[in-house]
Amino acid sequence: MRYSGEEDGFVCLDSISILARPAHCHQRCRVSFLGVIVGVLLLIGTLFYRQVEGWGWLDSLYFCVITLATVGYGDFSPQTAAGKIFTMVYILLGIGTLVAVLTRLADALAAARRERD
């Protein structure tokens, strides 16, 4: 794990957690917070593609999900320069965030299993 224990919680050593949440947050709080970040990323991406690329709501959200999931069916792709630049940044930020969410979720599940056993 990347955190050190204290009496009533954990102090997380990664920079996102230090800046974005209280130091004494439990595993569930960490996973929930990162889940909110993913939701915000999807919302921002959806709004951007709707406005800049002129796609519908469903197509915009669909593109965001398949992009962050690294599926990339190829049925949609940004056509504007702004859309292409945004997509490059979106992929880098979004995939890193999804990896963080999955890591936190796996840590929380492993901790719950250890407590049960």
C-alpha atoms as a PDB file:
ATOM      1  CA  MET A   1       0.000   0.000   0.000  1.00  0.00           C
ATOM      2  CA  ARG A   2       1.032   3.576  -0.512  1.00  0.00           C
ATOM      3  CA  TYR A   3      -0.157   4.940   2.816  1.00  0.00           C
ATOM      4  CA  SER A   4       1.107   4.885   6.377  1.00  0.00           C
ATOM      5  CA  GLY A   5      -1.195   4.055   9.266  1.00  0.00           C
ATOM      6  CA  GLU A   6      -2.233   6.407  12.033  1.00  0.00           C
ATOM      7  CA  GLU A   7      -4.382   5.797  15.087  1.00  0.00           C
ATOM      8  CA  ASP A   8      -7.765   6.397  13.474  1.00  0.00           C
ATOM      9  CA  GLY A   9      -7.129   6.366   9.738  1.00  0.00           C
ATOM     10  CA  PHE A  10      -4.636   6.491   6.912  1.00  0.00           C
ATOM     11  CA  VAL A  11      -2.421   9.181   5.532  1.00  0.00           C
ATOM     12  CA  CYS A  12      -2.224   8.724   1.802  1.00  0.00           C
ATOM     13  CA  LEU A  13       1.073   9.586   0.196  1.00  0.00           C
ATOM     14  CA  ASP A  14      -0.019  10.053  -3.396  1.00  0.00           C
ATOM     15  CA  SER A  15      -0.424  13.636  -4.551  1.00  0.00           C
ATOM     16  CA  ILE A  16      -4.047  13.412  -5.728  1.00  0.00           C
ATOM     17  CA  SER A  17      -5.265  12.210  -2.342  1.00  0.00           C
ATOM     18  CA  ILE A  18      -3.259  14.765  -0.377  1.00  0.00           C
ATOM     19  CA  LEU A  19      -4.725  17.618  -2.418  1.00  0.00           C
ATOM     20  CA  ALA A  20      -8.250  16.361  -2.821  1.00  0.00           C
ATOM     21  CA  ARG A  21      -9.446  14.665   0.358  1.00  0.00           C
ATOM     22  CA  PRO A  22      -9.006  14.595   4.132  1.00  0.00           C
ATOM     23  CA  ALA A  23      -6.043  12.603   5.430  1.00  0.00           C
ATOM     24  CA  HIS A  24      -8.233  10.386   7.640  1.00  0.00           C
ATOM     25  CA  CYS A  25     -10.486   9.053   4.919  1.00  0.00           C
ATOM     26  CA  HIS A  26     -11.245   5.328   4.827  1.00  0.00           C
ATOM     27  CA  GLN A  27     -11.005   3.037   1.789  1.00  0.00           C
ATOM     28  CA  ARG A  28     -14.676   3.539   0.871  1.00  0.00           C
ATOM     29  CA  CYS A  29     -14.239   7.313   0.880  1.00  0.00           C
ATOM     30  CA  ARG A  30     -11.219   7.045  -1.395  1.00  0.00           C
ATOM     31  CA  VAL A  31     -13.034   4.827  -3.888  1.00  0.00           C
ATOM     32  CA  SER A  32     -16.133   7.053  -3.790  1.00  0.00           C
ATOM     33  CA  PHE A  33     -14.109  10.208  -4.326  1.00  0.00           C
ATOM     34  CA  LEU A  34     -12.320   8.743  -7.338  1.00  0.00           C
ATOM     35  CA  GLY A  35     -15.665   7.495  -8.674  1.00  0.00           C
ATOM     36  CA  VAL A  36     -16.934  11.066  -8.535  1.00  0.00           C
ATOM     37  CA  ILE A  37     -13.827  12.183 -10.436  1.00  0.00           C
ATOM     38  CA  VAL A  38     -14.583   9.613 -13.163  1.00  0.00           C
ATOM     39  CA  GLY A  39     -18.173  10.883 -13.328  1.00  0.00           C
ATOM     40  CA  VAL A  40     -16.932  14.457 -13.669  1.00  0.00           C
ATOM     41  CA  LEU A  41     -14.512  13.394 -16.423  1.00  0.00           C
ATOM     42  CA  LEU A  42     -17.378  11.713 -18.297  1.00  0.00           C
ATOM     43  CA  LEU A  43     -19.550  14.800 -17.867  1.00  0.00           C
ATOM     44  CA  ILE A  44     -16.826  17.187 -19.061  1.00  0.00           C
ATOM     45  CA  GLY A  45     -16.020  14.975 -22.035  1.00  0.00           C
ATOM     46  CA  THR A  46     -19.673  14.585 -22.966  1.00  0.00           C
ATOM     47  CA  LEU A  47     -20.288  18.323 -22.815  1.00  0.00           C
ATOM     48  CA  PHE A  48     -17.123  19.037 -24.802  1.00  0.00           C
ATOM     49  CA  TYR A  49     -17.847  16.595 -27.624  1.00  0.00           C
ATOM     50  CA  ARG A  50     -21.467  17.722 -27.773  1.00  0.00           C
ATOM     51  CA  GLN A  51     -20.417  21.346 -28.144  1.00  0.00           C
ATOM     52  CA  VAL A  52     -17.242  21.104 -30.232  1.00  0.00           C
ATOM     53  CA  GLU A  53     -17.886  18.054 -32.403  1.00  0.00           C
ATOM     54  CA  GLY A  54     -21.658  18.567 -32.625  1.00  0.00           C
ATOM     55  CA  TRP A  55     -22.470  14.984 -31.560  1.00  0.00           C
ATOM     56  CA  GLY A  56     -25.643  14.034 -29.725  1.00  0.00           C
ATOM     57  CA  TRP A  57     -25.713  13.378 -25.979  1.00  0.00           C
ATOM     58  CA  LEU A  58     -25.597   9.601 -26.290  1.00  0.00           C
ATOM     59  CA  ASP A  59     -22.869   9.605 -28.940  1.00  0.00           C
ATOM     60  CA  SER A  60     -20.759  11.994 -26.857  1.00  0.00           C
ATOM     61  CA  LEU A  61     -21.088   9.889 -23.708  1.00  0.00           C
ATOM     62  CA  TYR A  62     -20.528   6.699 -25.688  1.00  0.00           C
ATOM     63  CA  PHE A  63     -17.295   8.079 -27.134  1.00  0.00           C
ATOM     64  CA  CYS A  64     -16.090   9.097 -23.668  1.00  0.00           C
ATOM     65  CA  VAL A  65     -16.746   5.661 -22.204  1.00  0.00           C
ATOM     66  CA  ILE A  66     -15.137   3.682 -25.025  1.00  0.00           C
ATOM     67  CA  THR A  67     -12.172   6.070 -25.042  1.00  0.00           C
ATOM     68  CA  LEU A  68     -11.517   5.807 -21.307  1.00  0.00           C
ATOM     69  CA  ALA A  69     -12.058   2.050 -21.412  1.00  0.00           C
ATOM     70  CA  THR A  70      -9.445   1.920 -24.223  1.00  0.00           C
ATOM     71  CA  VAL A  71     -11.873  -0.008 -26.425  1.00  0.00           C
ATOM     72  CA  GLY A  72     -11.804   2.393 -29.357  1.00  0.00           C
ATOM     73  CA  TYR A  73     -14.196   0.809 -31.832  1.00  0.00           C
ATOM     74  CA  GLY A  74     -13.344   3.497 -34.384  1.00  0.00           C
ATOM     75  CA  ASP A  75     -16.959   4.343 -35.200  1.00  0.00           C
ATOM     76  CA  PHE A  76     -16.456   7.885 -33.843  1.00  0.00           C
ATOM     77  CA  SER A  77     -13.406  10.095 -33.914  1.00  0.00           C
ATOM     78  CA  PRO A  78     -12.906  13.815 -33.374  1.00  0.00           C
ATOM     79  CA  GLN A  79     -12.774  15.776 -36.624  1.00  0.00           C
ATOM     80  CA  THR A  80     -11.739  19.198 -35.315  1.00  0.00           C
ATOM     81  CA  ALA A  81      -8.265  20.203 -34.153  1.00  0.00           C
ATOM     82  CA  ALA A  82      -9.688  21.210 -30.761  1.00  0.00           C
ATOM     83  CA  GLY A  83     -11.394  17.830 -30.470  1.00  0.00           C
ATOM     84  CA  LYS A  84      -8.197  15.956 -31.269  1.00  0.00           C
ATOM     85  CA  ILE A  85      -6.137  17.944 -28.769  1.00  0.00           C
ATOM     86  CA  PHE A  86      -8.789  17.567 -26.082  1.00  0.00           C
ATOM     87  CA  THR A  87      -8.960  13.820 -26.722  1.00  0.00           C
ATOM     88  CA  MET A  88      -5.209  13.403 -26.231  1.00  0.00           C
ATOM     89  CA  VAL A  89      -5.348  15.154 -22.856  1.00  0.00           C
ATOM     90  CA  TYR A  90      -8.611  13.390 -21.957  1.00  0.00           C
ATOM     91  CA  ILE A  91      -7.073   9.976 -22.579  1.00  0.00           C
ATOM     92  CA  LEU A  92      -4.010  10.689 -20.457  1.00  0.00           C
ATOM     93  CA  LEU A  93      -5.999  12.081 -17.532  1.00  0.00           C
ATOM     94  CA  GLY A  94      -8.887   9.649 -17.820  1.00  0.00           C
ATOM     95  CA  ILE A  95      -6.947   6.411 -18.052  1.00  0.00           C
ATOM     96  CA  GLY A  96      -4.761   7.421 -15.112  1.00  0.00           C
ATOM     97  CA  THR A  97      -7.865   8.176 -13.078  1.00  0.00           C
ATOM     98  CA  LEU A  98      -9.522   4.877 -14.020  1.00  0.00           C
ATOM     99  CA  VAL A  99      -6.390   2.978 -13.005  1.00  0.00           C
ATOM    100  CA  ALA A 100      -6.461   4.800  -9.653  1.00  0.00           C
ATOM    101  CA  VAL A 101     -10.140   3.897  -9.159  1.00  0.00           C
ATOM    102  CA  LEU A 102      -9.553   0.236  -9.960  1.00  0.00           C
ATOM    103  CA  THR A 103      -6.489   0.123  -7.697  1.00  0.00           C
ATOM    104  CA  ARG A 104      -8.402   1.685  -4.796  1.00  0.00           C
ATOM    105  CA  LEU A 105     -11.329  -0.655  -5.375  1.00  0.00           C
ATOM    106  CA  ALA A 106      -9.045  -3.690  -5.380  1.00  0.00           C
ATOM    107  CA  ASP A 107      -7.343  -2.433  -2.189  1.00  0.00           C
ATOM    108  CA  ALA A 108     -10.721  -1.935  -0.497  1.00  0.00           C
ATOM    109  CA  LEU A 109     -11.928  -5.400  -1.504  1.00  0.00           C
ATOM    110  CA  ALA A 110      -8.679  -6.996  -0.320  1.00  0.00           C
ATOM    111  CA  ALA A 111      -8.882  -5.146   3.022  1.00  0.00           C
ATOM    112  CA  ALA A 112     -12.505  -6.230   3.517  1.00  0.00           C
ATOM    113  CA  ARG A 113     -11.545  -9.817   2.781  1.00  0.00           C
ATOM    114  CA  ARG A 114      -8.648  -9.680   5.244  1.00  0.00           C
ATOM    115  CA  GLU A 115     -10.987  -8.328   7.932  1.00  0.00           C
ATOM    116  CA  ARG A 116     -13.469 -11.153   7.342  1.00  0.00           C
ATOM    117  CA  ASP A 117     -10.780 -13.840   7.512  1.00  0.00           C
END
